[in-house]
Amino acid sequence: MPIVNRVAALSDEMAAWRHDFHENPELLYEVHRTAGIVADRLREFGCDEVVTGIGRTGVVGVIRGRKSASGKTIGLRADMDALPIMETSGVAYASKVPGKMHACGHDGHTAMLLGAAKYLAETRNFDGTAIMIFQPAEEGGGGGKAMVDDGLMTRWNIQEVYGMHNMPGLPEGHFATTPGAMLASSDNIQIIVHGKGGHAGAGPHKSVDSVLIGSQIVNALQSIVARNVDPLKSAVISITQFHSGTAFNIIPEVAELGGTVRTLDPEVRDLVERRIGEVAESVARAYGGSAETKYTRMYPVTMNHAREAGLAADVARDIVGAERVNDKFIPMMGAEDFSFMLEARPGAMILVGMGDGNECHHPAYVFNDNILGHGASYWARLVETRMPAG
């Protein structure tokens, strides 16, 4: 079964919505314009209920099918926020806001779910309730958790929840998913090294060099992945910040390191957290200093539920054909706060191919409007398949 005809007819409209969102990007929870437009559109479509302010600035649209005998309710989630990036794409609808850009395709995700909402509100060819979830603050703000904490799942009795993200490099219109770990956990680390300041030229032997200690810690942390983590499992430790010093000839008292940690297994996550603190402190002591480690857990592993991942793959096959669906996708070390929704309810994340082009989070990233119909059709068919009208 190809792209839904009615959804295909909405392609130009979805593209116009996306271009408008793209021109007016908003960050984290400050998605007031975007959320307002989404809410207005949902009301225009005739949704049975439209609620704003869930998880601060999230929007929920409720669409009831022609029948309700099944008692089923499923949630479909799209994210709305942009990134703090100066756009260099050169497209006619480029960002009008300096330093802000939809560089991860959330404008496309929002447009696709709006297209599906319009179709479902018109046809209502299902038995149950579809919940359209438009989430703020995916890019580091934990908006998924905020919506769950605000009662998203319980207020509407959501029983299953599904997410979708565009994927540069995956052929246009192809889909990919997998049971189990799909995307990595994402955690932040901060290490503060304490030494003893001194004259870098005349008296280095009288000091404890925090820069030297910090440099050794950067190297030593890589031994955790190389020698503590099972080689058949995955972990990444990346130190991305190193701040210290005020002059060429002063050994600084303090050095501050920062970075990110990614894992695909909760036990590996625990191991890495423990070992980072142990390694940093022991290296610092060996050089006569000390180190404090602050490990902040951000997003958990995006863990697809096996049954729901299989159902998602089946729906994708209905849209694009079996040869264009990979249901054994190799997990990626990127992260997604849809993981919080998957901790709250069974469900699955699926990727929709963008074709060749720039990677996400790139200043020249361009979303492929050709996939809007694929994504919206997937959402619509998912509802109709999971809650058939009979």
Protein backbone atom coordinates (compact mmCIF):
# COMPACT_ATOMS: atom_id res chain seq x y z
CA MET A 1 0.00 0.00 0.00
CA PRO A 2 1.62 3.29 -1.09
CA ILE A 3 1.47 6.75 0.44
CA VAL A 4 -2.09 7.57 1.48
CA ASN A 5 -3.69 9.54 -1.38
CA ARG A 6 -5.29 12.16 0.85
CA VAL A 7 -1.98 12.65 2.65
CA ALA A 8 -0.16 13.02 -0.67
CA ALA A 9 -2.62 15.81 -1.53
CA LEU A 10 -1.49 17.62 1.61
CA SER A 11 2.19 17.67 0.57
CA ASP A 12 2.30 21.30 -0.52
CA GLU A 13 0.43 22.37 2.61
CA MET A 14 2.80 20.41 4.85
CA ALA A 15 5.79 21.96 3.07
CA ALA A 16 4.36 25.45 3.61
CA TRP A 17 3.90 24.74 7.32
CA ARG A 18 7.45 23.43 7.56
CA HIS A 19 8.95 26.41 5.75
CA ASP A 20 7.16 28.79 8.09
CA PHE A 21 8.47 26.91 11.14
CA HIS A 22 11.92 26.87 9.56
CA GLU A 23 11.95 30.63 9.06
CA ASN A 24 10.97 31.19 12.68
CA PRO A 25 12.98 28.72 14.81
CA GLU A 26 12.62 28.64 18.59
CA LEU A 27 14.78 26.94 21.21
CA LEU A 28 14.05 24.52 24.03
CA TYR A 29 10.87 25.46 25.93
CA GLU A 30 10.58 28.89 24.27
CA VAL A 31 8.53 27.49 21.38
CA HIS A 32 5.58 29.80 22.00
CA ARG A 33 4.98 30.79 18.36
CA THR A 34 5.35 27.24 17.07
CA ALA A 35 3.12 25.77 19.77
CA GLY A 36 0.52 28.46 19.17
CA ILE A 37 0.38 27.70 15.45
CA VAL A 38 0.21 23.96 16.10
CA ALA A 39 -2.69 24.44 18.54
CA ASP A 40 -4.54 26.70 16.08
CA ARG A 41 -4.12 24.18 13.26
CA LEU A 42 -5.37 21.31 15.42
CA ARG A 43 -8.46 23.32 16.32
CA GLU A 44 -9.03 24.14 12.63
CA PHE A 45 -8.79 20.45 11.78
CA GLY A 46 -11.59 19.70 14.23
CA CYS A 47 -9.68 17.82 16.91
CA ASP A 48 -11.95 16.82 19.77
CA GLU A 49 -9.64 18.36 22.33
CA VAL A 50 -6.60 20.64 22.11
CA VAL A 51 -4.57 21.25 25.24
CA THR A 52 -1.56 23.56 25.53
CA GLY A 53 1.01 23.96 28.29
CA ILE A 54 1.71 20.26 28.84
CA GLY A 55 5.34 20.03 29.91
CA ARG A 56 5.45 23.84 29.94
CA THR A 57 4.93 24.49 26.21
CA GLY A 58 3.88 21.13 24.77
CA VAL A 59 0.65 20.71 22.80
CA VAL A 60 -1.70 17.72 22.74
CA GLY A 61 -4.45 17.13 20.18
CA VAL A 62 -7.07 14.42 20.75
CA ILE A 63 -8.82 12.75 17.80
CA ARG A 64 -11.50 10.16 18.47
CA GLY A 65 -12.31 7.57 15.84
CA ARG A 66 -15.72 6.74 14.43
CA LYS A 67 -15.86 3.93 16.97
CA SER A 68 -14.61 3.66 20.54
CA ALA A 69 -15.40 0.02 21.35
CA SER A 70 -11.72 -1.00 21.35
CA GLY A 71 -10.89 1.30 24.24
CA LYS A 72 -7.43 1.78 22.72
CA THR A 73 -5.46 5.01 22.88
CA ILE A 74 -2.12 5.50 21.16
CA GLY A 75 0.18 8.51 21.14
CA LEU A 76 2.16 9.89 18.22
CA ARG A 77 4.99 12.27 19.10
CA ALA A 78 6.81 15.01 17.18
CA ASP A 79 9.33 17.55 18.52
CA MET A 80 9.16 21.30 17.84
CA ASP A 81 12.42 22.95 18.96
CA ALA A 82 15.39 24.15 16.93
CA LEU A 83 19.12 24.52 17.64
CA PRO A 84 21.44 27.45 18.46
CA ILE A 85 23.18 27.34 15.05
CA MET A 86 23.72 30.06 12.46
CA GLU A 87 22.18 28.75 9.22
CA THR A 88 24.25 28.57 6.02
CA SER A 89 21.89 26.44 3.88
CA GLY A 90 21.02 29.23 1.44
CA VAL A 91 17.42 28.03 1.01
CA ALA A 92 14.76 30.63 0.21
CA TYR A 93 13.01 30.01 3.54
CA ALA A 94 16.17 30.14 5.67
CA SER A 95 15.98 31.15 9.32
CA LYS A 96 15.12 34.78 9.96
CA VAL A 97 16.46 34.52 13.51
CA PRO A 98 20.24 34.97 13.79
CA GLY A 99 21.91 32.13 15.63
CA LYS A 100 18.89 29.82 15.56
CA MET A 101 18.10 27.12 13.03
CA HIS A 102 16.05 24.00 12.48
CA ALA A 103 19.16 21.89 11.87
CA CYS A 104 17.67 18.58 12.99
CA GLY A 105 14.40 18.50 11.07
CA HIS A 106 11.99 19.09 13.92
CA ASP A 107 10.13 21.50 11.66
CA GLY A 108 9.57 18.54 9.34
CA HIS A 109 8.50 16.25 12.16
CA THR A 110 5.93 18.81 13.29
CA ALA A 111 4.62 19.31 9.75
CA MET A 112 4.27 15.55 9.18
CA LEU A 113 2.31 15.02 12.38
CA LEU A 114 0.09 18.00 11.55
CA GLY A 115 -0.59 16.44 8.16
CA ALA A 116 -1.52 13.15 9.79
CA ALA A 117 -3.73 14.99 12.30
CA LYS A 118 -5.61 16.73 9.49
CA TYR A 119 -6.18 13.44 7.69
CA LEU A 120 -7.26 11.56 10.83
CA ALA A 121 -9.63 14.34 11.93
CA GLU A 122 -11.26 14.25 8.49
CA THR A 123 -11.57 10.50 8.07
CA ARG A 124 -11.72 9.07 11.63
CA ASN A 125 -11.51 5.61 10.12
CA PHE A 126 -10.38 3.91 13.32
CA ASP A 127 -11.74 2.48 16.55
CA GLY A 128 -10.18 4.27 19.51
CA THR A 129 -8.39 7.52 20.28
CA ALA A 130 -5.29 9.03 18.68
CA ILE A 131 -3.23 11.50 20.71
CA MET A 132 -1.10 13.96 18.74
CA ILE A 133 1.88 14.94 20.93
CA PHE A 134 3.93 18.02 20.02
CA GLN A 135 6.90 18.25 22.36
CA PRO A 136 9.24 21.13 23.24
CA ALA A 137 12.88 21.00 24.32
CA GLU A 138 14.13 17.74 22.80
CA GLU A 139 17.54 19.32 22.15
CA GLY A 140 18.95 18.98 25.64
CA GLY A 141 16.01 20.26 27.65
CA GLY A 142 14.28 16.99 28.46
CA GLY A 143 10.88 18.09 27.15
CA GLY A 144 9.80 14.46 26.81
CA LYS A 145 10.32 13.92 30.52
CA ALA A 146 8.56 17.20 31.30
CA MET A 147 5.47 16.10 29.39
CA VAL A 148 5.44 12.67 31.06
CA ASP A 149 5.91 14.27 34.49
CA ASP A 150 3.00 16.59 33.66
CA GLY A 151 0.66 13.63 33.32
CA LEU A 152 0.75 13.08 29.54
CA MET A 153 0.31 9.31 29.71
CA THR A 154 -2.17 9.12 32.57
CA ARG A 155 -4.37 12.09 31.67
CA TRP A 156 -5.27 10.56 28.28
CA ASN A 157 -4.71 6.93 29.24
CA ILE A 158 -2.14 6.44 26.48
CA GLN A 159 -1.37 2.73 26.10
CA GLU A 160 1.26 2.84 23.36
CA VAL A 161 3.46 5.67 22.09
CA TYR A 162 5.43 6.05 18.86
CA GLY A 163 8.11 8.47 17.68
CA MET A 164 9.77 9.21 14.34
CA HIS A 165 12.96 11.02 13.30
CA ASN A 166 14.44 11.85 9.92
CA MET A 167 17.69 10.11 8.99
CA PRO A 168 20.21 11.63 6.56
CA GLY A 169 22.11 8.90 4.72
CA LEU A 170 19.22 6.44 4.79
CA PRO A 171 17.72 6.33 1.27
CA GLU A 172 14.82 8.67 0.68
CA GLY A 173 11.54 7.20 1.85
CA HIS A 174 13.10 4.12 3.46
CA PHE A 175 12.36 3.30 7.12
CA ALA A 176 14.50 1.72 9.83
CA THR A 177 13.86 0.49 13.35
CA THR A 178 14.86 -2.33 15.68
CA PRO A 179 13.70 -3.98 18.89
CA GLY A 180 15.71 -3.07 21.96
CA ALA A 181 18.30 -0.29 22.07
CA MET A 182 17.82 2.13 19.18
CA LEU A 183 19.70 5.20 20.42
CA ALA A 184 22.16 5.78 23.24
CA SER A 185 21.81 7.30 26.66
CA SER A 186 23.30 10.79 26.92
CA ASP A 187 25.02 12.04 30.07
CA ASN A 188 27.17 15.05 30.91
CA ILE A 189 30.38 15.04 32.90
CA GLN A 190 32.22 17.87 34.61
CA ILE A 191 35.59 17.33 36.26
CA ILE A 192 37.22 20.04 38.36
CA VAL A 193 40.94 19.50 38.93
CA HIS A 194 42.59 21.19 41.92
CA GLY A 195 46.34 21.74 41.93
CA LYS A 196 48.66 24.38 43.30
CA GLY A 197 49.38 27.51 41.30
CA GLY A 198 52.84 28.81 40.68
CA HIS A 199 55.33 30.42 38.32
CA ALA A 200 55.43 28.38 35.11
CA GLY A 201 59.02 29.30 34.32
CA ALA A 202 60.83 30.05 37.56
CA GLY A 203 59.16 27.58 39.92
CA PRO A 204 57.17 24.80 38.27
CA HIS A 205 58.59 22.33 40.81
CA LYS A 206 56.84 24.25 43.58
CA SER A 207 53.42 23.89 41.95
CA VAL A 208 50.93 21.12 41.21
CA ASP A 209 50.02 21.60 37.59
CA SER A 210 46.26 21.34 37.08
CA VAL A 211 46.69 21.49 33.28
CA LEU A 212 49.04 18.53 33.28
CA ILE A 213 46.69 16.59 35.54
CA GLY A 214 43.71 17.43 33.38
CA SER A 215 45.56 16.33 30.26
CA GLN A 216 46.42 13.00 31.83
CA ILE A 217 42.79 12.54 32.89
CA VAL A 218 41.61 13.12 29.30
CA ASN A 219 43.87 10.32 28.13
CA ALA A 220 43.20 7.97 31.05
CA LEU A 221 39.41 8.15 30.63
CA GLN A 222 39.74 6.40 27.28
CA SER A 223 41.03 3.32 29.07
CA ILE A 224 37.54 2.86 30.52
CA VAL A 225 36.08 2.09 27.09
CA ALA A 226 39.20 0.18 25.99
CA ARG A 227 39.70 -1.92 29.12
CA ASN A 228 36.61 -1.85 31.35
CA VAL A 229 33.69 -2.07 28.92
CA ASP A 230 32.87 -5.42 27.30
CA PRO A 231 34.19 -5.19 23.71
CA LEU A 232 30.84 -6.51 22.45
CA LYS A 233 29.07 -3.53 24.01
CA SER A 234 29.32 0.16 23.23
CA ALA A 235 30.37 3.30 25.07
CA VAL A 236 31.74 6.70 24.15
CA ILE A 237 33.51 9.12 26.50
CA SER A 238 34.32 12.46 24.87
CA ILE A 239 35.94 15.36 26.69
CA THR A 240 34.89 18.39 24.67
CA GLN A 241 35.82 21.26 27.01
CA PHE A 242 39.04 22.16 28.83
CA HIS A 243 39.23 25.53 30.56
CA SER A 244 42.17 26.73 32.63
CA GLY A 245 44.68 29.47 33.11
CA THR A 246 44.90 33.25 32.81
CA ALA A 247 48.46 33.92 31.54
CA PHE A 248 51.37 32.37 29.66
CA ASN A 249 53.64 32.19 32.68
CA ILE A 250 51.25 31.07 35.42
CA ILE A 251 50.50 27.47 36.32
CA PRO A 252 46.78 27.62 37.16
CA GLU A 253 45.34 26.38 40.42
CA VAL A 254 42.25 24.87 38.78
CA ALA A 255 41.34 23.21 35.48
CA GLU A 256 37.79 22.38 34.41
CA LEU A 257 36.93 19.58 31.98
CA GLY A 258 33.55 18.82 30.44
CA GLY A 259 32.14 16.30 28.05
CA THR A 260 29.55 13.71 27.13
CA VAL A 261 29.05 10.00 27.72
CA ARG A 262 26.99 7.66 25.52
CA THR A 263 26.06 4.04 26.23
CA LEU A 264 23.52 1.51 24.96
CA ASP A 265 23.21 -0.61 28.09
CA PRO A 266 22.09 0.47 31.60
CA GLU A 267 24.78 -1.68 33.27
CA VAL A 268 27.48 -0.17 31.09
CA ARG A 269 26.12 3.26 31.97
CA ASP A 270 26.52 2.49 35.67
CA LEU A 271 30.04 1.14 35.13
CA VAL A 272 31.19 4.15 33.13
CA GLU A 273 29.79 6.62 35.66
CA ARG A 274 31.62 4.89 38.52
CA ARG A 275 34.91 4.51 36.68
CA ILE A 276 35.07 8.11 35.48
CA GLY A 277 35.06 9.33 39.07
CA GLU A 278 37.60 6.71 40.15
CA VAL A 279 39.99 7.36 37.26
CA ALA A 280 39.85 11.15 37.56
CA GLU A 281 40.52 11.14 41.28
CA SER A 282 43.28 8.52 41.16
CA VAL A 283 45.14 10.29 38.33
CA ALA A 284 44.89 13.61 40.15
CA ARG A 285 46.24 12.06 43.35
CA ALA A 286 49.15 10.50 41.47
CA TYR A 287 50.25 14.00 40.44
CA GLY A 288 49.67 15.54 43.86
CA GLY A 289 46.29 17.13 43.21
CA SER A 290 42.64 16.20 43.51
CA ALA A 291 39.61 15.99 41.25
CA GLU A 292 35.87 16.36 41.75
CA THR A 293 33.57 14.66 39.26
CA LYS A 294 29.97 15.64 38.62
CA TYR A 295 28.09 13.10 36.48
CA THR A 296 24.66 14.25 35.30
CA ARG A 297 22.31 11.73 33.73
CA MET A 298 20.41 13.39 30.89
CA TYR A 299 18.56 11.00 28.54
CA PRO A 300 18.22 7.24 29.04
CA VAL A 301 18.71 4.69 26.27
CA THR A 302 15.97 4.88 23.64
CA MET A 303 14.77 1.31 24.13
CA ASN A 304 12.18 0.09 21.65
CA HIS A 305 9.71 -2.50 22.88
CA ALA A 306 9.98 -5.61 20.71
CA ARG A 307 6.29 -6.04 19.88
CA GLU A 308 5.74 -2.37 19.06
CA ALA A 309 8.94 -2.16 16.97
CA GLY A 310 7.63 -5.06 14.92
CA LEU A 311 4.26 -3.36 14.49
CA ALA A 312 5.96 -0.12 13.43
CA ALA A 313 8.02 -1.98 10.82
CA ASP A 314 4.89 -3.69 9.48
CA VAL A 315 3.13 -0.34 9.03
CA ALA A 316 6.18 1.08 7.26
CA ARG A 317 6.15 -1.90 4.89
CA ASP A 318 2.54 -1.09 4.05
CA ILE A 319 3.62 2.40 3.04
CA VAL A 320 6.87 1.83 1.11
CA GLY A 321 7.20 -1.93 0.59
CA ALA A 322 9.17 -4.60 2.45
CA GLU A 323 12.40 -3.97 0.54
CA ARG A 324 12.54 -0.41 1.90
CA VAL A 325 12.21 -1.26 5.58
CA ASN A 326 15.12 -2.32 7.78
CA ASP A 327 13.79 -3.89 10.99
CA LYS A 328 17.26 -4.78 12.30
CA PHE A 329 18.79 -1.32 12.35
CA ILE A 330 22.19 -1.11 14.06
CA PRO A 331 21.83 1.21 17.10
CA MET A 332 23.33 4.70 16.93
CA MET A 333 25.15 6.65 19.63
CA GLY A 334 22.95 9.69 19.17
CA ALA A 335 20.35 10.28 21.88
CA GLU A 336 16.63 11.15 22.06
CA ASP A 337 14.43 12.18 24.96
CA PHE A 338 11.59 10.15 23.43
CA SER A 339 13.32 7.58 25.64
CA PHE A 340 11.41 8.97 28.63
CA MET A 341 8.10 8.24 26.89
CA LEU A 342 9.27 4.71 26.09
CA GLU A 343 10.09 4.22 29.77
CA ALA A 344 6.52 5.23 30.59
CA ARG A 345 4.68 3.19 27.93
CA PRO A 346 5.36 0.48 25.32
CA GLY A 347 6.23 1.89 21.93
CA ALA A 348 8.92 2.38 19.31
CA MET A 349 11.03 4.95 17.52
CA ILE A 350 11.36 4.67 13.74
CA LEU A 351 13.66 6.52 11.32
CA VAL A 352 12.56 7.82 7.91
CA GLY A 353 15.23 8.19 5.24
CA MET A 354 16.18 11.63 3.95
CA GLY A 355 18.60 10.49 1.25
CA ASP A 356 22.10 11.87 0.87
CA GLY A 357 22.88 15.29 2.30
CA ASN A 358 24.20 17.08 5.34
CA GLU A 359 24.05 15.44 8.72
CA CYS A 360 21.80 16.71 11.46
CA HIS A 361 23.17 19.60 13.56
CA HIS A 362 25.03 20.97 10.54
CA PRO A 363 24.63 24.68 9.61
CA ALA A 364 23.89 23.74 5.98
CA TYR A 365 21.40 20.97 6.85
CA VAL A 366 18.34 20.90 4.56
CA PHE A 367 15.26 18.82 5.28
CA ASN A 368 13.97 16.82 2.29
CA ASP A 369 10.35 17.84 1.69
CA ASN A 370 9.86 14.74 -0.48
CA ILE A 371 9.56 12.62 2.66
CA LEU A 372 6.71 14.60 4.22
CA GLY A 373 4.17 12.29 2.60
CA HIS A 374 6.01 9.18 3.78
CA GLY A 375 6.09 10.35 7.38
CA ALA A 376 2.51 11.58 7.53
CA SER A 377 1.25 8.40 5.84
CA TYR A 378 3.14 6.30 8.38
CA TRP A 379 1.44 8.14 11.24
CA ALA A 380 -2.01 7.87 9.68
CA ARG A 381 -1.67 4.19 8.78
CA LEU A 382 -0.25 3.40 12.22
CA VAL A 383 -3.44 4.68 13.84
CA GLU A 384 -5.70 2.86 11.39
CA THR A 385 -3.70 -0.38 11.73
CA ARG A 386 -3.41 -0.40 15.49
CA MET A 387 -7.08 0.55 15.95
CA PRO A 388 -8.93 -0.84 12.89
CA ALA A 389 -12.50 0.36 12.47
CA GLY A 390 -13.59 -3.10 11.32
